[in-house]
PDB file of N, CA and C in Angstrom:
ATOM      1  N   UNK A   1      18.934  57.656 -29.159  1.00  0.00           N
ATOM      2  CA  UNK A   1      17.857  56.801 -28.688  1.00  0.00           C
ATOM      3  C   UNK A   1      16.639  57.024 -29.591  1.00  0.00           C
ATOM      4  N   UNK A   2      16.145  55.966 -30.175  1.00  0.00           N
ATOM      5  CA  UNK A   2      14.984  56.101 -31.063  1.00  0.00           C
ATOM      6  C   UNK A   2      13.685  55.980 -30.262  1.00  0.00           C
ATOM      7  N   UNK A   3      12.679  56.650 -30.773  1.00  0.00           N
ATOM      8  CA  UNK A   3      11.370  56.620 -30.106  1.00  0.00           C
ATOM      9  C   UNK A   3      10.719  55.262 -30.306  1.00  0.00           C
ATOM     10  N   UNK A   4       9.982  54.838 -29.307  1.00  0.00           N
ATOM     11  CA  UNK A   4       9.245  53.577 -29.432  1.00  0.00           C
ATOM     12  C   UNK A   4       8.119  53.752 -30.434  1.00  0.00           C
ATOM     13  N   UNK A   5       7.883  52.760 -31.275  1.00  0.00           N
ATOM     14  CA  UNK A   5       6.756  52.871 -32.210  1.00  0.00           C
ATOM     15  C   UNK A   5       5.436  52.861 -31.445  1.00  0.00           C
ATOM     16  N   UNK A   6       4.468  53.557 -32.000  1.00  0.00           N
ATOM     17  CA  UNK A   6       3.153  53.598 -31.358  1.00  0.00           C
ATOM     18  C   UNK A   6       2.473  52.237 -31.468  1.00  0.00           C
ATOM     19  N   UNK A   7       1.967  51.754 -30.360  1.00  0.00           N
ATOM     20  CA  UNK A   7       1.244  50.481 -30.358  1.00  0.00           C
ATOM     21  C   UNK A   7      -0.134  50.714 -30.971  1.00  0.00           C
ATOM     22  N   UNK A   8      -0.522  49.843 -31.867  1.00  0.00           N
ATOM     23  CA  UNK A   8      -1.848  49.893 -32.473  1.00  0.00           C
ATOM     24  C   UNK A   8      -2.699  48.773 -31.880  1.00  0.00           C
ATOM     25  N   UNK A   9      -3.988  48.991 -31.900  1.00  0.00           N
ATOM     26  CA  UNK A   9      -4.923  48.036 -31.309  1.00  0.00           C
ATOM     27  C   UNK A   9      -5.952  47.584 -32.324  1.00  0.00           C
ATOM     28  N   UNK A  10      -6.306  46.313 -32.246  1.00  0.00           N
ATOM     29  CA  UNK A  10      -7.421  45.767 -32.995  1.00  0.00           C
ATOM     30  C   UNK A  10      -8.607  45.749 -32.052  1.00  0.00           C
ATOM     31  N   UNK A  11      -9.793  45.847 -32.610  1.00  0.00           N
ATOM     32  CA  UNK A  11     -11.009  45.843 -31.796  1.00  0.00           C
ATOM     33  C   UNK A  11     -11.844  44.606 -32.117  1.00  0.00           C
ATOM     34  N   UNK A  12     -12.168  43.852 -31.078  1.00  0.00           N
ATOM     35  CA  UNK A  12     -13.005  42.659 -31.219  1.00  0.00           C
ATOM     36  C   UNK A  12     -14.400  42.981 -30.704  1.00  0.00           C
ATOM     37  N   UNK A  13     -15.398  42.814 -31.548  1.00  0.00           N
ATOM     38  CA  UNK A  13     -16.781  43.031 -31.151  1.00  0.00           C
ATOM     39  C   UNK A  13     -17.353  41.726 -30.615  1.00  0.00           C
ATOM     40  N   UNK A  14     -17.593  41.680 -29.315  1.00  0.00           N
ATOM     41  CA  UNK A  14     -18.261  40.505 -28.745  1.00  0.00           C
ATOM     42  C   UNK A  14     -19.692  40.406 -29.249  1.00  0.00           C
ATOM     43  N   UNK A  15     -20.307  41.544 -29.505  1.00  0.00           N
ATOM     44  CA  UNK A  15     -21.694  41.569 -29.985  1.00  0.00           C
ATOM     45  C   UNK A  15     -21.824  40.888 -31.347  1.00  0.00           C
ATOM     46  N   UNK A  16     -20.858  41.140 -32.235  1.00  0.00           N
ATOM     47  CA  UNK A  16     -20.918  40.592 -33.602  1.00  0.00           C
ATOM     48  C   UNK A  16     -19.985  39.400 -33.810  1.00  0.00           C
ATOM     49  N   UNK A  17     -19.134  39.133 -32.817  1.00  0.00           N
ATOM     50  CA  UNK A  17     -18.134  38.057 -32.901  1.00  0.00           C
ATOM     51  C   UNK A  17     -17.254  38.217 -34.135  1.00  0.00           C
ATOM     52  N   UNK A  18     -16.821  39.469 -34.354  1.00  0.00           N
ATOM     53  CA  UNK A  18     -15.949  39.796 -35.480  1.00  0.00           C
ATOM     54  C   UNK A  18     -15.057  40.984 -35.106  1.00  0.00           C
ATOM     55  N   UNK A  19     -14.021  41.185 -35.922  1.00  0.00           N
ATOM     56  CA  UNK A  19     -13.132  42.330 -35.773  1.00  0.00           C
ATOM     57  C   UNK A  19     -13.753  43.565 -36.413  1.00  0.00           C
ATOM     58  N   UNK A  20     -13.468  44.735 -35.832  1.00  0.00           N
ATOM     59  CA  UNK A  20     -13.886  45.992 -36.452  1.00  0.00           C
ATOM     60  C   UNK A  20     -13.010  46.238 -37.672  1.00  0.00           C
ATOM     61  N   UNK A  21     -13.614  46.720 -38.749  1.00  0.00           N
ATOM     62  CA  UNK A  21     -12.857  47.099 -39.948  1.00  0.00           C
ATOM     63  C   UNK A  21     -12.239  48.487 -39.733  1.00  0.00           C
ATOM     64  N   UNK A  22     -11.322  48.895 -40.628  1.00  0.00           N
ATOM     65  CA  UNK A  22     -10.746  50.240 -40.514  1.00  0.00           C
ATOM     66  C   UNK A  22     -11.824  51.327 -40.540  1.00  0.00           C
ATOM     67  N   UNK A  23     -11.554  52.408 -39.842  1.00  0.00           N
ATOM     68  CA  UNK A  23     -12.454  53.566 -39.791  1.00  0.00           C
ATOM     69  C   UNK A  23     -13.857  53.216 -39.291  1.00  0.00           C
ATOM     70  N   UNK A  24     -13.975  52.166 -38.492  1.00  0.00           N
ATOM     71  CA  UNK A  24     -15.266  51.748 -37.918  1.00  0.00           C
ATOM     72  C   UNK A  24     -16.313  51.456 -38.988  1.00  0.00           C
ATOM     73  N   UNK A  25     -15.874  50.903 -40.108  1.00  0.00           N
ATOM     74  CA  UNK A  25     -16.780  50.648 -41.232  1.00  0.00           C
ATOM     75  C   UNK A  25     -17.123  49.169 -41.354  1.00  0.00           C
ATOM     76  N   UNK A  26     -17.845  48.688 -40.367  1.00  0.00           N
ATOM     77  CA  UNK A  26     -18.308  47.312 -40.422  1.00  0.00           C
ATOM     78  C   UNK A  26     -17.376  46.355 -39.694  1.00  0.00           C
ATOM     79  N   UNK A  27     -17.580  45.074 -39.973  1.00  0.00           N
ATOM     80  CA  UNK A  27     -16.888  44.015 -39.245  1.00  0.00           C
ATOM     81  C   UNK A  27     -16.367  42.965 -40.213  1.00  0.00           C
ATOM     82  N   UNK A  28     -15.387  42.205 -39.774  1.00  0.00           N
ATOM     83  CA  UNK A  28     -14.814  41.138 -40.581  1.00  0.00           C
ATOM     84  C   UNK A  28     -14.375  39.991 -39.681  1.00  0.00           C
ATOM     85  N   UNK A  29     -14.435  38.782 -40.183  1.00  0.00           N
ATOM     86  CA  UNK A  29     -13.907  37.631 -39.444  1.00  0.00           C
ATOM     87  C   UNK A  29     -12.413  37.476 -39.690  1.00  0.00           C
ATOM     88  N   UNK A  30     -11.903  38.151 -40.705  1.00  0.00           N
ATOM     89  CA  UNK A  30     -10.497  38.045 -41.095  1.00  0.00           C
ATOM     90  C   UNK A  30      -9.663  39.072 -40.325  1.00  0.00           C
ATOM     91  N   UNK A  31      -8.782  38.601 -39.479  1.00  0.00           N
ATOM     92  CA  UNK A  31      -7.946  39.495 -38.666  1.00  0.00           C
ATOM     93  C   UNK A  31      -7.092  40.414 -39.537  1.00  0.00           C
ATOM     94  N   UNK A  32      -6.637  39.928 -40.686  1.00  0.00           N
ATOM     95  CA  UNK A  32      -5.817  40.750 -41.570  1.00  0.00           C
ATOM     96  C   UNK A  32      -6.582  41.947 -42.128  1.00  0.00           C
ATOM     97  N   UNK A  33      -7.897  41.863 -42.180  1.00  0.00           N
ATOM     98  CA  UNK A  33      -8.732  42.951 -42.696  1.00  0.00           C
ATOM     99  C   UNK A  33      -9.196  43.900 -41.593  1.00  0.00           C
ATOM    100  N   UNK A  34      -8.834  43.587 -40.350  1.00  0.00           N
ATOM    101  CA  UNK A  34      -9.251  44.415 -39.213  1.00  0.00           C
ATOM    102  C   UNK A  34      -8.535  45.760 -39.229  1.00  0.00           C
ATOM    103  N   UNK A  35      -9.206  46.766 -38.691  1.00  0.00           N
ATOM    104  CA  UNK A  35      -8.598  48.080 -38.573  1.00  0.00           C
ATOM    105  C   UNK A  35      -7.591  48.119 -37.451  1.00  0.00           C
ATOM    106  N   UNK A  36      -6.653  49.047 -37.553  1.00  0.00           N
ATOM    107  CA  UNK A  36      -5.679  49.291 -36.491  1.00  0.00           C
ATOM    108  C   UNK A  36      -5.997  50.665 -35.924  1.00  0.00           C
ATOM    109  N   UNK A  37      -6.140  50.729 -34.612  1.00  0.00           N
ATOM    110  CA  UNK A  37      -6.574  51.955 -33.943  1.00  0.00           C
ATOM    111  C   UNK A  37      -5.538  52.403 -32.929  1.00  0.00           C
ATOM    112  N   UNK A  38      -5.455  53.706 -32.703  1.00  0.00           N
ATOM    113  CA  UNK A  38      -4.589  54.216 -31.645  1.00  0.00           C
ATOM    114  C   UNK A  38      -5.198  53.820 -30.302  1.00  0.00           C
ATOM    115  N   UNK A  39      -4.419  53.973 -29.242  1.00  0.00           N
ATOM    116  CA  UNK A  39      -4.933  53.644 -27.918  1.00  0.00           C
ATOM    117  C   UNK A  39      -6.144  54.510 -27.585  1.00  0.00           C
ATOM    118  N   UNK A  40      -6.073  55.792 -27.896  1.00  0.00           N
ATOM    119  CA  UNK A  40      -7.188  56.699 -27.600  1.00  0.00           C
ATOM    120  C   UNK A  40      -8.444  56.300 -28.378  1.00  0.00           C
ATOM    121  N   UNK A  41      -8.284  55.970 -29.651  1.00  0.00           N
ATOM    122  CA  UNK A  41      -9.436  55.555 -30.461  1.00  0.00           C
ATOM    123  C   UNK A  41     -10.046  54.269 -29.915  1.00  0.00           C
ATOM    124  N   UNK A  42      -9.179  53.310 -29.570  1.00  0.00           N
ATOM    125  CA  UNK A  42      -9.653  52.026 -29.064  1.00  0.00           C
ATOM    126  C   UNK A  42     -10.390  52.191 -27.736  1.00  0.00           C
ATOM    127  N   UNK A  43      -9.813  52.971 -26.833  1.00  0.00           N
ATOM    128  CA  UNK A  43     -10.464  53.198 -25.543  1.00  0.00           C
ATOM    129  C   UNK A  43     -11.823  53.860 -25.706  1.00  0.00           C
ATOM    130  N   UNK A  44     -11.922  54.786 -26.631  1.00  0.00           N
ATOM    131  CA  UNK A  44     -13.201  55.454 -26.885  1.00  0.00           C
ATOM    132  C   UNK A  44     -14.272  54.441 -27.296  1.00  0.00           C
ATOM    133  N   UNK A  45     -13.916  53.513 -28.186  1.00  0.00           N
ATOM    134  CA  UNK A  45     -14.872  52.498 -28.652  1.00  0.00           C
ATOM    135  C   UNK A  45     -15.239  51.524 -27.530  1.00  0.00           C
ATOM    136  N   UNK A  46     -14.245  51.116 -26.755  1.00  0.00           N
ATOM    137  CA  UNK A  46     -14.501  50.176 -25.659  1.00  0.00           C
ATOM    138  C   UNK A  46     -15.411  50.815 -24.614  1.00  0.00           C
ATOM    139  N   UNK A  47     -15.109  52.035 -24.239  1.00  0.00           N
ATOM    140  CA  UNK A  47     -15.937  52.718 -23.241  1.00  0.00           C
ATOM    141  C   UNK A  47     -17.357  52.926 -23.742  1.00  0.00           C
ATOM    142  N   UNK A  48     -17.512  53.313 -24.989  1.00  0.00           N
ATOM    143  CA  UNK A  48     -18.853  53.511 -25.549  1.00  0.00           C
ATOM    144  C   UNK A  48     -19.654  52.211 -25.524  1.00  0.00           C
ATOM    145  N   UNK A  49     -18.993  51.094 -25.830  1.00  0.00           N
ATOM    146  CA  UNK A  49     -19.711  49.817 -25.856  1.00  0.00           C
ATOM    147  C   UNK A  49     -20.065  49.333 -24.453  1.00  0.00           C
ATOM    148  N   UNK A  50     -19.328  49.785 -23.456  1.00  0.00           N
ATOM    149  CA  UNK A  50     -19.558  49.299 -22.097  1.00  0.00           C
ATOM    150  C   UNK A  50     -20.826  49.864 -21.458  1.00  0.00           C
ATOM    151  N   UNK A  51     -21.367  50.929 -22.009  1.00  0.00           N
ATOM    152  CA  UNK A  51     -22.568  51.529 -21.433  1.00  0.00           C
ATOM    153  C   UNK A  51     -23.802  50.634 -21.578  1.00  0.00           C
ATOM    154  N   UNK A  52     -23.731  49.629 -22.452  1.00  0.00           N
ATOM    155  CA  UNK A  52     -24.860  48.706 -22.591  1.00  0.00           C
ATOM    156  C   UNK A  52     -24.994  47.825 -21.341  1.00  0.00           C
ATOM    157  N   UNK A  53     -23.881  47.703 -20.583  1.00  0.00           N
ATOM    158  CA  UNK A  53     -23.834  46.913 -19.347  1.00  0.00           C
ATOM    159  C   UNK A  53     -24.131  45.433 -19.562  1.00  0.00           C
ATOM    160  N   UNK A  54     -23.895  44.960 -20.780  1.00  0.00           N
ATOM    161  CA  UNK A  54     -24.047  43.541 -21.098  1.00  0.00           C
ATOM    162  C   UNK A  54     -22.682  43.044 -21.560  1.00  0.00           C
ATOM    163  N   UNK A  55     -21.994  42.281 -20.719  1.00  0.00           N
ATOM    164  CA  UNK A  55     -20.627  41.863 -20.992  1.00  0.00           C
ATOM    165  C   UNK A  55     -20.468  41.238 -22.372  1.00  0.00           C
ATOM    166  N   UNK A  56     -21.426  40.458 -22.795  1.00  0.00           N
ATOM    167  CA  UNK A  56     -21.340  39.764 -24.082  1.00  0.00           C
ATOM    168  C   UNK A  56     -21.361  40.718 -25.265  1.00  0.00           C
ATOM    169  N   UNK A  57     -21.674  42.001 -25.041  1.00  0.00           N
ATOM    170  CA  UNK A  57     -21.740  42.969 -26.140  1.00  0.00           C
ATOM    171  C   UNK A  57     -20.625  44.006 -26.096  1.00  0.00           C
ATOM    172  N   UNK A  58     -19.752  43.916 -25.112  1.00  0.00           N
ATOM    173  CA  UNK A  58     -18.689  44.903 -24.966  1.00  0.00           C
ATOM    174  C   UNK A  58     -17.566  44.623 -25.970  1.00  0.00           C
ATOM    175  N   UNK A  59     -17.045  45.680 -26.572  1.00  0.00           N
ATOM    176  CA  UNK A  59     -15.913  45.586 -27.486  1.00  0.00           C
ATOM    177  C   UNK A  59     -14.629  45.470 -26.673  1.00  0.00           C
ATOM    178  N   UNK A  60     -13.706  44.654 -27.149  1.00  0.00           N
ATOM    179  CA  UNK A  60     -12.409  44.463 -26.496  1.00  0.00           C
ATOM    180  C   UNK A  60     -11.307  44.999 -27.385  1.00  0.00           C
ATOM    181  N   UNK A  61     -10.287  45.589 -26.764  1.00  0.00           N
ATOM    182  CA  UNK A  61      -9.129  46.042 -27.531  1.00  0.00           C
ATOM    183  C   UNK A  61      -7.993  45.072 -27.342  1.00  0.00           C
ATOM    184  N   UNK A  62      -7.309  44.748 -28.448  1.00  0.00           N
ATOM    185  CA  UNK A  62      -6.216  43.773 -28.445  1.00  0.00           C
ATOM    186  C   UNK A  62      -4.990  44.455 -29.024  1.00  0.00           C
ATOM    187  N   UNK A  63      -3.902  44.528 -28.250  1.00  0.00           N
ATOM    188  CA  UNK A  63      -2.679  45.155 -28.732  1.00  0.00           C
ATOM    189  C   UNK A  63      -2.062  44.290 -29.820  1.00  0.00           C
ATOM    190  N   UNK A  64      -1.642  44.959 -30.880  1.00  0.00           N
ATOM    191  CA  UNK A  64      -0.966  44.241 -31.966  1.00  0.00           C
ATOM    192  C   UNK A  64       0.510  44.090 -31.615  1.00  0.00           C
ATOM    193  N   UNK A  65       1.052  42.922 -31.834  1.00  0.00           N
ATOM    194  CA  UNK A  65       2.457  42.668 -31.516  1.00  0.00           C
ATOM    195  C   UNK A  65       3.348  43.564 -32.361  1.00  0.00           C
ATOM    196  N   UNK A  66       4.361  44.151 -31.720  1.00  0.00           N
ATOM    197  CA  UNK A  66       5.334  44.982 -32.430  1.00  0.00           C
ATOM    198  C   UNK A  66       6.405  44.092 -33.039  1.00  0.00           C
ATOM    199  N   UNK A  67       6.920  44.499 -34.193  1.00  0.00           N
ATOM    200  CA  UNK A  67       8.026  43.774 -34.795  1.00  0.00           C
ATOM    201  C   UNK A  67       9.269  43.966 -33.936  1.00  0.00           C
ATOM    202  N   UNK A  68       9.984  42.901 -33.733  1.00  0.00           N
ATOM    203  CA  UNK A  68      11.203  42.972 -32.895  1.00  0.00           C
ATOM    204  C   UNK A  68      12.339  43.618 -33.637  1.00  0.00           C
TER     205      UNK A  68
END
């Protein structure tokens, strides 16, 4: 039985209306240039952004589809 591949997440910044780049180094409108984050990394960013208490500025995590 093979292990399931780790799901990676993209981060969407509602504040900037762009994807987070790899290593949290800016933003991009191009999804292909977006960073891929572990679940723990993504949750950390989402939770940190939620403290502003302004829904329009909260970062969202989007699971990347796994290859079948």
